[in-house]
């Protein structure tokens, strides 16, 4: 009987010790941060110039940092069409044909600096913005957001150097992104190559962890 009691006591002690160890954050459950490059993501659109003013249409291409892929459901974090980039948070901007509904809580902030030097997502929640009626989280237009437009004769769209975009995703994770090119295979010599994004990003799959290096 005493032997059985001793065994039971040892089992209880062992269980408590194991449980305490499970409660300790030793880093074993932390998922690795992911660094990837997306190449030639399509952001196609069509413009009807017979209307005044011209009407641009086309499905926005949704992208999920969690899966690292194009998505066609409500799990997108950001979406692309032409030079316009939307976030899946807030509300519809309005005035956009084929604009998707906002089904998530994603938000975005812009950092001035290099991609490598941006190692932690801003902690200030107020610095992150969402799309809203008449307002983009990532502003559009030459020199306003992520690009400059050269005008005639080249009509070249070029990413603005030193602009890093930090996204709080629909799942509460953090990612940073830098846009490398607006042209397929980074070749602007052919006009048909436009509206294909290449960008680098780093995604932290650990909810709430702001490390993005």
N, C-alpha and C. Protein backbone atom coordinates (compact mmCIF):
# COMPACT_ATOMS: atom_id res chain seq x y z
N UNK A 1 0.84 -1.21 0.00
CA UNK A 1 0.00 0.00 0.00
C UNK A 1 0.87 1.26 0.00
N UNK A 2 1.93 1.26 0.89
CA UNK A 2 2.82 2.41 0.95
C UNK A 2 3.52 2.63 -0.39
N UNK A 3 3.87 1.50 -1.06
CA UNK A 3 4.54 1.59 -2.36
C UNK A 3 3.62 2.23 -3.39
N UNK A 4 2.32 1.86 -3.37
CA UNK A 4 1.36 2.42 -4.31
C UNK A 4 1.18 3.91 -4.06
N UNK A 5 1.12 4.31 -2.77
CA UNK A 5 0.98 5.73 -2.44
C UNK A 5 2.19 6.52 -2.92
N UNK A 6 3.39 5.92 -2.79
CA UNK A 6 4.61 6.59 -3.22
C UNK A 6 4.61 6.79 -4.73
N UNK A 7 4.18 5.77 -5.45
CA UNK A 7 4.12 5.86 -6.91
C UNK A 7 3.13 6.93 -7.33
N UNK A 8 1.96 6.97 -6.68
CA UNK A 8 0.94 7.96 -7.00
C UNK A 8 1.45 9.36 -6.74
N UNK A 9 2.17 9.52 -5.61
CA UNK A 9 2.71 10.84 -5.26
C UNK A 9 3.73 11.29 -6.30
N UNK A 10 4.59 10.38 -6.72
CA UNK A 10 5.59 10.71 -7.74
C UNK A 10 4.94 11.08 -9.06
N UNK A 11 3.85 10.39 -9.41
CA UNK A 11 3.14 10.69 -10.66
C UNK A 11 2.54 12.08 -10.61
N UNK A 12 1.98 12.46 -9.45
CA UNK A 12 1.38 13.79 -9.29
C UNK A 12 2.46 14.86 -9.42
N UNK A 13 3.61 14.64 -8.74
CA UNK A 13 4.71 15.60 -8.79
C UNK A 13 5.19 15.76 -10.23
N UNK A 14 5.31 14.62 -10.92
CA UNK A 14 5.76 14.65 -12.31
C UNK A 14 4.80 15.42 -13.19
N UNK A 15 3.49 15.23 -12.98
CA UNK A 15 2.47 15.92 -13.77
C UNK A 15 2.53 17.43 -13.54
N UNK A 16 2.67 17.82 -12.24
CA UNK A 16 2.73 19.24 -11.92
C UNK A 16 3.97 19.87 -12.55
N UNK A 17 5.11 19.17 -12.48
CA UNK A 17 6.35 19.69 -13.04
C UNK A 17 6.24 19.86 -14.54
N UNK A 18 5.64 18.88 -15.20
CA UNK A 18 5.45 18.95 -16.65
C UNK A 18 4.53 20.08 -17.03
N UNK A 19 3.44 20.24 -16.27
CA UNK A 19 2.50 21.31 -16.54
C UNK A 19 3.14 22.68 -16.39
N UNK A 20 3.97 22.83 -15.35
CA UNK A 20 4.66 24.09 -15.15
C UNK A 20 5.60 24.39 -16.30
N UNK A 21 6.30 23.33 -16.77
CA UNK A 21 7.19 23.52 -17.90
C UNK A 21 6.43 23.94 -19.14
N UNK A 22 5.22 23.37 -19.33
CA UNK A 22 4.40 23.72 -20.50
C UNK A 22 3.98 25.17 -20.44
N UNK A 23 3.79 25.69 -19.20
CA UNK A 23 3.37 27.07 -19.04
C UNK A 23 4.50 28.04 -19.30
N UNK A 24 5.74 27.57 -19.18
CA UNK A 24 6.87 28.46 -19.40
C UNK A 24 7.07 28.67 -20.88
N UNK A 25 7.34 29.91 -21.27
CA UNK A 25 7.58 30.22 -22.67
C UNK A 25 9.07 30.05 -22.96
N UNK A 26 9.43 28.87 -23.42
CA UNK A 26 10.83 28.61 -23.72
C UNK A 26 11.14 28.81 -25.20
N UNK A 27 10.14 29.34 -25.94
CA UNK A 27 10.35 29.62 -27.35
C UNK A 27 10.08 28.44 -28.26
N UNK A 28 9.78 27.27 -27.67
CA UNK A 28 9.61 26.09 -28.50
C UNK A 28 8.34 26.14 -29.35
N UNK A 29 7.38 26.99 -28.96
CA UNK A 29 6.13 27.07 -29.71
C UNK A 29 6.10 28.29 -30.64
N UNK A 30 7.20 29.01 -30.72
CA UNK A 30 7.26 30.18 -31.58
C UNK A 30 7.57 29.75 -33.01
N UNK A 31 6.73 30.17 -33.93
CA UNK A 31 6.92 29.83 -35.34
C UNK A 31 7.93 30.77 -35.97
N UNK A 32 8.70 30.29 -36.93
CA UNK A 32 9.72 31.14 -37.55
C UNK A 32 9.10 32.23 -38.43
N UNK A 33 9.74 33.38 -38.44
CA UNK A 33 9.32 34.47 -39.32
C UNK A 33 9.65 34.09 -40.76
N UNK A 34 8.75 34.44 -41.67
CA UNK A 34 8.89 34.05 -43.07
C UNK A 34 9.28 35.24 -43.94
N UNK A 35 10.31 35.08 -44.74
CA UNK A 35 10.74 36.10 -45.70
C UNK A 35 10.58 35.54 -47.11
N UNK A 36 9.80 36.22 -47.93
CA UNK A 36 9.50 35.70 -49.26
C UNK A 36 9.46 36.83 -50.29
N UNK A 37 9.51 36.44 -51.55
CA UNK A 37 9.34 37.36 -52.67
C UNK A 37 8.20 36.87 -53.54
N UNK A 38 7.29 37.76 -53.85
CA UNK A 38 6.20 37.46 -54.79
C UNK A 38 6.57 38.09 -56.13
N UNK A 39 6.50 37.30 -57.18
CA UNK A 39 6.91 37.76 -58.51
C UNK A 39 5.74 37.76 -59.48
N UNK A 40 5.57 38.87 -60.16
CA UNK A 40 4.59 38.99 -61.25
C UNK A 40 3.15 38.74 -60.80
N UNK A 41 2.78 39.29 -59.65
CA UNK A 41 1.39 39.19 -59.21
C UNK A 41 0.53 40.09 -60.10
N UNK A 42 -0.49 39.55 -60.76
CA UNK A 42 -1.28 40.35 -61.70
C UNK A 42 -2.21 41.32 -60.99
N UNK A 43 -2.27 42.54 -61.52
CA UNK A 43 -3.17 43.56 -60.99
C UNK A 43 -3.86 44.24 -62.17
N UNK A 44 -4.46 43.41 -63.01
CA UNK A 44 -4.97 43.87 -64.30
C UNK A 44 -6.27 44.67 -64.16
N UNK A 45 -6.46 45.56 -65.11
CA UNK A 45 -7.67 46.37 -65.15
C UNK A 45 -7.95 46.78 -66.59
N UNK A 46 -9.17 47.21 -66.83
CA UNK A 46 -9.54 47.75 -68.13
C UNK A 46 -10.17 49.12 -67.91
N UNK A 47 -9.99 50.01 -68.88
CA UNK A 47 -10.54 51.35 -68.77
C UNK A 47 -11.37 51.67 -70.00
N UNK A 48 -12.60 52.08 -69.77
CA UNK A 48 -13.51 52.45 -70.84
C UNK A 48 -13.42 53.96 -71.07
N UNK A 49 -12.72 54.35 -72.13
CA UNK A 49 -12.51 55.76 -72.41
C UNK A 49 -13.66 56.38 -73.20
N UNK A 50 -14.67 55.57 -73.54
CA UNK A 50 -15.84 56.13 -74.24
C UNK A 50 -16.75 56.86 -73.26
N UNK A 51 -16.53 56.63 -71.98
CA UNK A 51 -17.33 57.31 -70.97
C UNK A 51 -16.58 58.53 -70.44
N UNK A 52 -17.31 59.50 -69.98
CA UNK A 52 -16.73 60.73 -69.45
C UNK A 52 -17.26 61.00 -68.04
N UNK A 53 -16.42 60.83 -67.03
CA UNK A 53 -14.99 60.46 -67.12
C UNK A 53 -14.82 58.96 -67.41
N UNK A 54 -13.64 58.56 -67.84
CA UNK A 54 -13.39 57.14 -68.12
C UNK A 54 -13.66 56.27 -66.89
N UNK A 55 -14.11 55.04 -67.12
CA UNK A 55 -14.43 54.12 -66.02
C UNK A 55 -13.46 52.94 -66.04
N UNK A 56 -12.79 52.74 -64.93
CA UNK A 56 -11.86 51.62 -64.78
C UNK A 56 -12.54 50.49 -64.03
N UNK A 57 -12.34 49.27 -64.52
CA UNK A 57 -12.99 48.11 -63.90
C UNK A 57 -12.02 46.93 -63.89
N UNK A 58 -12.45 45.87 -63.21
CA UNK A 58 -11.63 44.67 -63.11
C UNK A 58 -11.56 44.19 -61.69
N UNK A 59 -11.43 42.90 -61.52
CA UNK A 59 -11.37 42.30 -60.19
C UNK A 59 -10.05 42.62 -59.51
N UNK A 60 -10.12 43.07 -58.27
CA UNK A 60 -8.92 43.28 -57.49
C UNK A 60 -8.31 41.92 -57.12
N UNK A 61 -6.99 41.82 -57.20
CA UNK A 61 -6.29 40.59 -56.85
C UNK A 61 -5.97 40.59 -55.37
N UNK A 62 -6.63 39.70 -54.62
CA UNK A 62 -6.41 39.62 -53.18
C UNK A 62 -5.21 38.78 -52.83
N UNK A 63 -4.47 39.21 -51.80
CA UNK A 63 -3.28 38.47 -51.36
C UNK A 63 -3.32 38.27 -49.86
N UNK A 64 -2.98 37.07 -49.43
CA UNK A 64 -2.93 36.73 -48.01
C UNK A 64 -1.49 36.50 -47.59
N UNK A 65 -1.03 37.24 -46.59
CA UNK A 65 0.32 37.01 -46.08
C UNK A 65 0.40 35.67 -45.35
N UNK A 66 -0.70 35.24 -44.77
CA UNK A 66 -0.71 33.97 -44.03
C UNK A 66 -0.41 32.79 -44.95
N UNK A 67 -1.04 32.77 -46.11
CA UNK A 67 -0.83 31.66 -47.04
C UNK A 67 0.27 31.97 -48.05
N UNK A 68 0.60 33.24 -48.21
CA UNK A 68 1.60 33.63 -49.19
C UNK A 68 1.12 33.46 -50.62
N UNK A 69 -0.20 33.53 -50.81
CA UNK A 69 -0.78 33.27 -52.12
C UNK A 69 -1.90 34.26 -52.44
N UNK A 70 -2.28 34.27 -53.72
CA UNK A 70 -3.48 34.97 -54.13
C UNK A 70 -4.69 34.23 -53.57
N UNK A 71 -5.67 34.96 -53.05
CA UNK A 71 -6.89 34.35 -52.52
C UNK A 71 -8.09 35.03 -53.15
N UNK A 72 -9.16 34.28 -53.26
CA UNK A 72 -10.37 34.81 -53.89
C UNK A 72 -11.54 34.89 -52.92
N UNK A 73 -11.27 34.65 -51.63
CA UNK A 73 -12.34 34.76 -50.64
C UNK A 73 -12.06 35.95 -49.73
N UNK A 74 -12.71 36.01 -48.60
CA UNK A 74 -12.58 37.15 -47.70
C UNK A 74 -11.36 37.14 -46.82
N UNK A 75 -10.40 36.24 -47.06
CA UNK A 75 -9.22 36.14 -46.20
C UNK A 75 -8.07 37.03 -46.68
N UNK A 76 -8.29 37.84 -47.70
CA UNK A 76 -7.21 38.69 -48.22
C UNK A 76 -6.83 39.77 -47.21
N UNK A 77 -5.56 40.13 -47.23
CA UNK A 77 -5.06 41.22 -46.40
C UNK A 77 -4.94 42.51 -47.20
N UNK A 78 -4.38 42.39 -48.40
CA UNK A 78 -4.28 43.52 -49.32
C UNK A 78 -4.73 43.06 -50.70
N UNK A 79 -5.12 44.02 -51.54
CA UNK A 79 -5.60 43.68 -52.87
C UNK A 79 -5.08 44.71 -53.86
N UNK A 80 -4.80 44.26 -55.08
CA UNK A 80 -4.15 45.08 -56.09
C UNK A 80 -5.01 45.19 -57.36
N UNK A 81 -5.05 46.38 -57.93
CA UNK A 81 -5.58 46.60 -59.28
C UNK A 81 -4.95 47.86 -59.83
N UNK A 82 -4.24 47.71 -60.93
CA UNK A 82 -3.49 48.85 -61.42
C UNK A 82 -2.53 49.33 -60.35
N UNK A 83 -2.48 50.63 -60.16
CA UNK A 83 -1.60 51.19 -59.12
C UNK A 83 -2.28 51.29 -57.76
N UNK A 84 -3.53 50.85 -57.69
CA UNK A 84 -4.30 50.95 -56.45
C UNK A 84 -4.10 49.72 -55.57
N UNK A 85 -3.84 49.96 -54.30
CA UNK A 85 -3.71 48.87 -53.32
C UNK A 85 -4.71 49.12 -52.19
N UNK A 86 -5.54 48.13 -51.90
CA UNK A 86 -6.55 48.21 -50.85
C UNK A 86 -6.13 47.36 -49.66
N UNK A 87 -6.67 47.67 -48.49
CA UNK A 87 -6.50 46.81 -47.33
C UNK A 87 -7.87 46.27 -46.92
N UNK A 88 -7.87 45.06 -46.37
CA UNK A 88 -9.12 44.41 -45.98
C UNK A 88 -9.51 44.82 -44.56
N UNK A 89 -9.80 46.09 -44.43
CA UNK A 89 -10.22 46.64 -43.15
C UNK A 89 -10.84 48.00 -43.35
N UNK A 90 -11.80 48.35 -42.52
CA UNK A 90 -12.48 49.62 -42.67
C UNK A 90 -13.75 49.46 -43.49
N UNK A 91 -13.88 50.28 -44.52
CA UNK A 91 -15.08 50.23 -45.35
C UNK A 91 -14.73 50.55 -46.80
N UNK A 92 -15.68 50.39 -47.67
CA UNK A 92 -15.47 50.70 -49.08
C UNK A 92 -15.12 52.18 -49.26
N UNK A 93 -14.23 52.44 -50.19
CA UNK A 93 -13.84 53.81 -50.50
C UNK A 93 -14.95 54.50 -51.28
N UNK A 94 -15.58 53.74 -52.17
CA UNK A 94 -16.65 54.29 -52.99
C UNK A 94 -16.11 54.86 -54.29
N UNK A 95 -16.93 54.78 -55.33
CA UNK A 95 -16.52 55.30 -56.62
C UNK A 95 -15.63 54.37 -57.41
N UNK A 96 -15.36 53.17 -56.88
CA UNK A 96 -14.53 52.19 -57.57
C UNK A 96 -15.41 51.07 -58.10
N UNK A 97 -15.32 50.81 -59.39
CA UNK A 97 -16.03 49.67 -59.96
C UNK A 97 -15.38 48.38 -59.50
N UNK A 98 -16.20 47.40 -59.17
CA UNK A 98 -15.73 46.07 -58.73
C UNK A 98 -14.93 46.13 -57.43
N UNK A 99 -15.21 47.12 -56.59
CA UNK A 99 -14.50 47.21 -55.31
C UNK A 99 -14.98 46.11 -54.36
N UNK A 100 -14.05 45.36 -53.74
CA UNK A 100 -14.46 44.28 -52.84
C UNK A 100 -14.97 44.81 -51.49
N UNK A 101 -15.81 44.01 -50.85
CA UNK A 101 -16.25 44.32 -49.50
C UNK A 101 -15.08 44.14 -48.53
N UNK A 102 -15.07 44.93 -47.46
CA UNK A 102 -14.08 44.75 -46.41
C UNK A 102 -14.67 43.79 -45.38
N UNK A 103 -14.07 42.62 -45.26
CA UNK A 103 -14.57 41.59 -44.35
C UNK A 103 -13.62 41.35 -43.18
N UNK A 104 -12.47 42.03 -43.18
CA UNK A 104 -11.48 41.81 -42.13
C UNK A 104 -11.18 43.06 -41.34
N UNK A 105 -10.09 43.01 -40.59
CA UNK A 105 -9.68 44.14 -39.74
C UNK A 105 -8.26 44.57 -40.05
N UNK A 106 -7.80 44.31 -41.26
CA UNK A 106 -6.44 44.66 -41.63
C UNK A 106 -6.25 46.17 -41.62
N UNK A 107 -5.02 46.59 -41.41
CA UNK A 107 -4.67 48.01 -41.40
C UNK A 107 -3.22 48.14 -41.85
N UNK A 108 -2.84 49.36 -42.22
CA UNK A 108 -1.52 49.57 -42.82
C UNK A 108 -0.91 50.87 -42.33
N UNK A 109 0.42 50.87 -42.21
CA UNK A 109 1.15 52.10 -41.93
C UNK A 109 2.39 52.13 -42.80
N UNK A 110 2.84 53.32 -43.12
CA UNK A 110 4.00 53.51 -43.99
C UNK A 110 5.20 53.95 -43.17
N UNK A 111 6.33 53.29 -43.38
CA UNK A 111 7.57 53.61 -42.70
C UNK A 111 8.55 54.18 -43.72
N UNK A 112 9.23 55.25 -43.36
CA UNK A 112 10.30 55.77 -44.20
C UNK A 112 11.61 55.21 -43.70
N UNK A 113 12.27 54.43 -44.54
CA UNK A 113 13.51 53.77 -44.16
C UNK A 113 13.75 52.60 -45.08
N UNK A 114 14.76 51.83 -44.79
CA UNK A 114 15.05 50.67 -45.63
C UNK A 114 14.30 49.44 -45.13
N UNK A 115 14.13 48.50 -46.02
CA UNK A 115 13.43 47.26 -45.68
C UNK A 115 14.18 46.50 -44.59
N UNK A 116 15.50 46.43 -44.72
CA UNK A 116 16.31 45.69 -43.75
C UNK A 116 16.29 46.33 -42.37
N UNK A 117 16.22 47.66 -42.34
CA UNK A 117 16.25 48.37 -41.06
C UNK A 117 14.91 48.35 -40.34
N UNK A 118 13.84 48.01 -41.05
CA UNK A 118 12.52 47.95 -40.42
C UNK A 118 12.36 46.58 -39.78
N UNK A 119 12.63 46.50 -38.49
CA UNK A 119 12.71 45.20 -37.82
C UNK A 119 11.57 44.96 -36.84
N UNK A 120 10.86 46.02 -36.46
CA UNK A 120 9.76 45.87 -35.51
C UNK A 120 8.58 46.69 -36.02
N UNK A 121 7.38 46.10 -36.02
CA UNK A 121 6.18 46.82 -36.41
C UNK A 121 5.86 47.88 -35.37
N UNK A 122 5.42 49.06 -35.78
CA UNK A 122 5.07 50.11 -34.81
C UNK A 122 4.06 49.62 -33.78
N UNK A 123 4.28 50.00 -32.54
CA UNK A 123 3.40 49.56 -31.46
C UNK A 123 2.16 50.45 -31.34
N UNK A 124 2.25 51.67 -31.85
CA UNK A 124 1.15 52.62 -31.74
C UNK A 124 0.01 52.23 -32.68
N UNK A 125 -1.09 51.76 -32.12
CA UNK A 125 -2.22 51.32 -32.94
C UNK A 125 -2.77 52.44 -33.80
N UNK A 126 -2.65 53.67 -33.33
CA UNK A 126 -3.20 54.81 -34.06
C UNK A 126 -2.45 55.09 -35.35
N UNK A 127 -1.23 54.55 -35.48
CA UNK A 127 -0.46 54.79 -36.69
C UNK A 127 -0.94 53.96 -37.87
N UNK A 128 -1.75 52.93 -37.58
CA UNK A 128 -2.28 52.07 -38.63
C UNK A 128 -3.63 52.62 -39.11
N UNK A 129 -3.82 52.65 -40.41
CA UNK A 129 -5.07 53.16 -40.96
C UNK A 129 -5.74 52.11 -41.84
N UNK A 130 -7.02 52.29 -42.02
CA UNK A 130 -7.81 51.40 -42.87
C UNK A 130 -8.46 52.21 -43.98
N UNK A 131 -8.93 51.51 -44.99
CA UNK A 131 -9.68 52.19 -46.04
C UNK A 131 -10.98 52.74 -45.45
N UNK A 132 -11.42 53.85 -45.99
CA UNK A 132 -12.65 54.47 -45.53
C UNK A 132 -13.28 55.19 -46.72
N UNK A 133 -14.48 55.65 -46.55
CA UNK A 133 -15.17 56.36 -47.62
C UNK A 133 -14.33 57.55 -48.09
N UNK A 134 -13.93 57.50 -49.35
CA UNK A 134 -13.15 58.59 -49.93
C UNK A 134 -11.70 58.64 -49.50
N UNK A 135 -11.20 57.61 -48.80
CA UNK A 135 -9.84 57.65 -48.26
C UNK A 135 -9.18 56.28 -48.33
N UNK A 136 -7.97 56.24 -48.86
CA UNK A 136 -7.19 55.01 -48.94
C UNK A 136 -6.21 54.92 -47.79
N UNK A 137 -6.06 53.72 -47.22
CA UNK A 137 -5.01 53.52 -46.22
C UNK A 137 -3.64 53.75 -46.84
N UNK A 138 -3.46 53.33 -48.09
CA UNK A 138 -2.25 53.60 -48.86
C UNK A 138 -2.63 54.55 -49.97
N UNK A 139 -2.30 55.83 -49.84
CA UNK A 139 -2.77 56.84 -50.79
C UNK A 139 -2.40 56.52 -52.24
N UNK A 140 -3.23 56.96 -53.15
CA UNK A 140 -2.98 56.77 -54.57
C UNK A 140 -2.41 58.06 -55.16
N UNK A 141 -1.97 57.96 -56.40
CA UNK A 141 -1.43 59.12 -57.10
C UNK A 141 0.07 59.21 -57.01
N UNK A 142 0.67 59.78 -58.04
CA UNK A 142 2.12 59.90 -58.11
C UNK A 142 2.68 60.67 -56.94
N UNK A 143 3.64 60.05 -56.24
CA UNK A 143 4.31 60.69 -55.12
C UNK A 143 3.55 60.66 -53.81
N UNK A 144 2.35 60.10 -53.82
CA UNK A 144 1.51 60.11 -52.62
C UNK A 144 1.61 58.85 -51.78
N UNK A 145 1.86 57.73 -52.44
CA UNK A 145 1.84 56.46 -51.73
C UNK A 145 3.09 55.65 -51.97
N UNK A 146 3.01 54.75 -52.97
CA UNK A 146 4.14 53.85 -53.19
C UNK A 146 4.90 54.12 -54.48
N UNK A 147 4.40 54.98 -55.37
CA UNK A 147 5.03 55.11 -56.68
C UNK A 147 5.10 56.56 -57.17
N UNK A 148 5.92 56.74 -58.21
CA UNK A 148 5.92 57.98 -58.97
C UNK A 148 5.63 57.65 -60.43
N UNK A 149 5.01 58.60 -61.11
CA UNK A 149 4.65 58.43 -62.52
C UNK A 149 5.45 59.42 -63.35
N UNK A 150 6.16 58.91 -64.36
CA UNK A 150 7.08 59.74 -65.13
C UNK A 150 6.39 60.59 -66.18
N UNK A 151 5.16 60.20 -66.57
CA UNK A 151 4.49 60.94 -67.63
C UNK A 151 5.05 60.60 -69.00
N UNK A 152 4.63 61.38 -70.00
CA UNK A 152 5.06 61.14 -71.37
C UNK A 152 6.55 61.48 -71.51
N UNK A 153 7.32 60.75 -72.31
CA UNK A 153 6.85 59.70 -73.22
C UNK A 153 6.91 58.29 -72.64
N UNK A 154 7.57 58.09 -71.49
CA UNK A 154 7.78 56.73 -70.99
C UNK A 154 6.60 56.19 -70.20
N UNK A 155 5.87 57.10 -69.52
CA UNK A 155 4.75 56.70 -68.65
C UNK A 155 5.17 55.67 -67.61
N UNK A 156 6.39 55.77 -67.17
CA UNK A 156 6.96 54.77 -66.27
C UNK A 156 6.43 54.93 -64.85
N UNK A 157 6.04 53.80 -64.25
CA UNK A 157 5.64 53.73 -62.84
C UNK A 157 6.81 53.15 -62.06
N UNK A 158 7.30 53.92 -61.09
CA UNK A 158 8.47 53.48 -60.33
C UNK A 158 8.18 53.50 -58.84
N UNK A 159 8.50 52.43 -58.11
CA UNK A 159 8.34 52.44 -56.65
C UNK A 159 9.20 53.53 -56.02
N UNK A 160 8.67 54.18 -54.99
CA UNK A 160 9.43 55.20 -54.27
C UNK A 160 10.41 54.51 -53.34
N UNK A 161 11.67 54.86 -53.48
CA UNK A 161 12.70 54.26 -52.62
C UNK A 161 12.49 54.69 -51.17
N UNK A 162 12.78 53.77 -50.26
CA UNK A 162 12.70 54.09 -48.84
C UNK A 162 11.31 54.07 -48.26
N UNK A 163 10.38 53.39 -48.94
CA UNK A 163 9.01 53.25 -48.44
C UNK A 163 8.76 51.79 -48.09
N UNK A 164 8.49 51.55 -46.82
CA UNK A 164 8.19 50.21 -46.33
C UNK A 164 6.77 50.24 -45.77
N UNK A 165 5.98 49.26 -46.14
CA UNK A 165 4.58 49.22 -45.72
C UNK A 165 4.40 48.07 -44.73
N UNK A 166 3.97 48.44 -43.53
CA UNK A 166 3.74 47.45 -42.47
C UNK A 166 2.24 47.21 -42.38
N UNK A 167 1.87 45.94 -42.45
CA UNK A 167 0.46 45.56 -42.44
C UNK A 167 0.14 44.76 -41.20
N UNK A 168 -0.92 45.17 -40.50
CA UNK A 168 -1.51 44.33 -39.46
C UNK A 168 -2.58 43.53 -40.16
N UNK A 169 -2.41 42.22 -40.23
CA UNK A 169 -3.26 41.39 -41.07
C UNK A 169 -4.63 41.12 -40.44
N UNK A 170 -5.46 40.47 -41.21
CA UNK A 170 -6.81 40.15 -40.73
C UNK A 170 -6.79 39.19 -39.56
N UNK A 171 -5.66 38.49 -39.37
CA UNK A 171 -5.54 37.54 -38.26
C UNK A 171 -4.81 38.13 -37.06
N UNK A 172 -4.44 39.42 -37.14
CA UNK A 172 -3.73 40.04 -36.04
C UNK A 172 -2.24 39.81 -36.06
N UNK A 173 -1.71 39.38 -37.21
CA UNK A 173 -0.27 39.21 -37.36
C UNK A 173 0.32 40.45 -38.00
N UNK A 174 1.64 40.48 -38.11
CA UNK A 174 2.30 41.64 -38.70
C UNK A 174 3.19 41.21 -39.87
N UNK A 175 3.21 42.07 -40.89
CA UNK A 175 4.05 41.83 -42.05
C UNK A 175 4.59 43.17 -42.54
N UNK A 176 5.75 43.13 -43.18
CA UNK A 176 6.27 44.31 -43.86
C UNK A 176 6.45 43.97 -45.33
N UNK A 177 6.35 44.99 -46.16
CA UNK A 177 6.40 44.78 -47.61
C UNK A 177 7.13 45.94 -48.27
N UNK A 178 7.93 45.63 -49.28
CA UNK A 178 8.49 46.65 -50.15
C UNK A 178 8.21 46.26 -51.59
N UNK A 179 7.74 47.21 -52.37
CA UNK A 179 7.42 46.95 -53.77
C UNK A 179 8.66 47.15 -54.61
N UNK A 180 9.00 46.15 -55.39
CA UNK A 180 10.22 46.15 -56.20
C UNK A 180 9.95 46.63 -57.61
N UNK A 181 8.83 46.16 -58.20
CA UNK A 181 8.57 46.48 -59.60
C UNK A 181 7.07 46.39 -59.90
N UNK A 182 6.67 47.16 -60.90
CA UNK A 182 5.28 47.18 -61.37
C UNK A 182 5.16 46.49 -62.73
N UNK A 183 6.25 45.88 -63.17
CA UNK A 183 6.29 45.31 -64.52
C UNK A 183 6.69 43.84 -64.50
N UNK A 184 6.07 43.08 -65.37
CA UNK A 184 6.36 41.65 -65.46
C UNK A 184 7.85 41.45 -65.73
N UNK A 185 8.44 40.58 -64.92
CA UNK A 185 9.88 40.29 -65.01
C UNK A 185 10.73 41.54 -64.90
N UNK A 186 10.16 42.58 -64.25
CA UNK A 186 10.87 43.84 -64.04
C UNK A 186 11.34 44.45 -65.36
N UNK A 187 10.50 44.30 -66.39
CA UNK A 187 10.83 44.79 -67.73
C UNK A 187 9.79 45.80 -68.19
N UNK A 188 10.07 47.10 -68.05
CA UNK A 188 9.10 48.12 -68.44
C UNK A 188 9.14 48.49 -69.92
N UNK A 189 9.96 47.79 -70.71
CA UNK A 189 10.12 48.17 -72.11
C UNK A 189 8.87 47.92 -72.94
N UNK A 190 8.01 47.01 -72.47
CA UNK A 190 6.78 46.68 -73.17
C UNK A 190 5.60 47.12 -72.31
N UNK A 191 4.71 47.93 -72.86
CA UNK A 191 3.57 48.45 -72.09
C UNK A 191 2.69 47.33 -71.56
N UNK A 192 2.65 46.19 -72.27
CA UNK A 192 1.83 45.07 -71.83
C UNK A 192 2.36 44.42 -70.56
N UNK A 193 3.57 44.76 -70.18
CA UNK A 193 4.17 44.18 -68.97
C UNK A 193 3.74 44.90 -67.70
N UNK A 194 3.03 46.01 -67.84
CA UNK A 194 2.64 46.77 -66.65
C UNK A 194 1.53 46.06 -65.89
N UNK A 195 1.38 46.45 -64.64
CA UNK A 195 0.36 45.92 -63.72
C UNK A 195 0.67 44.49 -63.28
N UNK A 196 1.94 44.20 -63.12
CA UNK A 196 2.39 42.94 -62.53
C UNK A 196 3.38 43.28 -61.42
N UNK A 197 2.97 43.04 -60.19
CA UNK A 197 3.77 43.45 -59.03
C UNK A 197 4.80 42.38 -58.66
N UNK A 198 5.99 42.86 -58.33
CA UNK A 198 6.97 42.04 -57.62
C UNK A 198 7.26 42.76 -56.30
N UNK A 199 7.16 42.04 -55.20
CA UNK A 199 7.43 42.65 -53.90
C UNK A 199 8.05 41.64 -52.94
N UNK A 200 8.83 42.18 -52.04
CA UNK A 200 9.40 41.39 -50.95
C UNK A 200 8.53 41.59 -49.71
N UNK A 201 8.42 40.54 -48.91
CA UNK A 201 7.72 40.72 -47.64
C UNK A 201 8.27 39.79 -46.58
N UNK A 202 8.08 40.20 -45.35
CA UNK A 202 8.40 39.38 -44.18
C UNK A 202 7.13 39.29 -43.35
N UNK A 203 6.76 38.07 -42.98
CA UNK A 203 5.51 37.82 -42.25
C UNK A 203 5.80 37.07 -40.97
N UNK A 204 5.25 37.56 -39.86
CA UNK A 204 5.40 36.88 -38.58
C UNK A 204 4.10 36.13 -38.28
N UNK A 205 4.12 34.79 -38.27
CA UNK A 205 2.90 34.01 -38.06
C UNK A 205 2.46 33.92 -36.61
N UNK A 206 3.19 34.55 -35.71
CA UNK A 206 2.85 34.53 -34.28
C UNK A 206 1.99 35.74 -33.96
N UNK A 207 0.74 35.52 -33.61
CA UNK A 207 -0.22 36.59 -33.39
C UNK A 207 0.28 37.60 -32.37
N UNK A 208 0.25 38.87 -32.76
CA UNK A 208 0.65 39.93 -31.85
C UNK A 208 2.13 40.20 -31.76
N UNK A 209 2.96 39.31 -32.30
CA UNK A 209 4.42 39.49 -32.25
C UNK A 209 4.83 40.49 -33.33
N UNK A 210 5.46 41.58 -32.93
CA UNK A 210 5.77 42.66 -33.86
C UNK A 210 7.15 42.53 -34.49
N UNK A 211 7.85 41.45 -34.23
CA UNK A 211 9.14 41.22 -34.88
C UNK A 211 8.94 40.94 -36.37
N UNK A 212 9.57 41.75 -37.22
CA UNK A 212 9.41 41.56 -38.68
C UNK A 212 10.78 41.63 -39.35
N UNK A 213 11.74 40.94 -38.78
CA UNK A 213 13.07 40.90 -39.39
C UNK A 213 13.47 39.46 -39.73
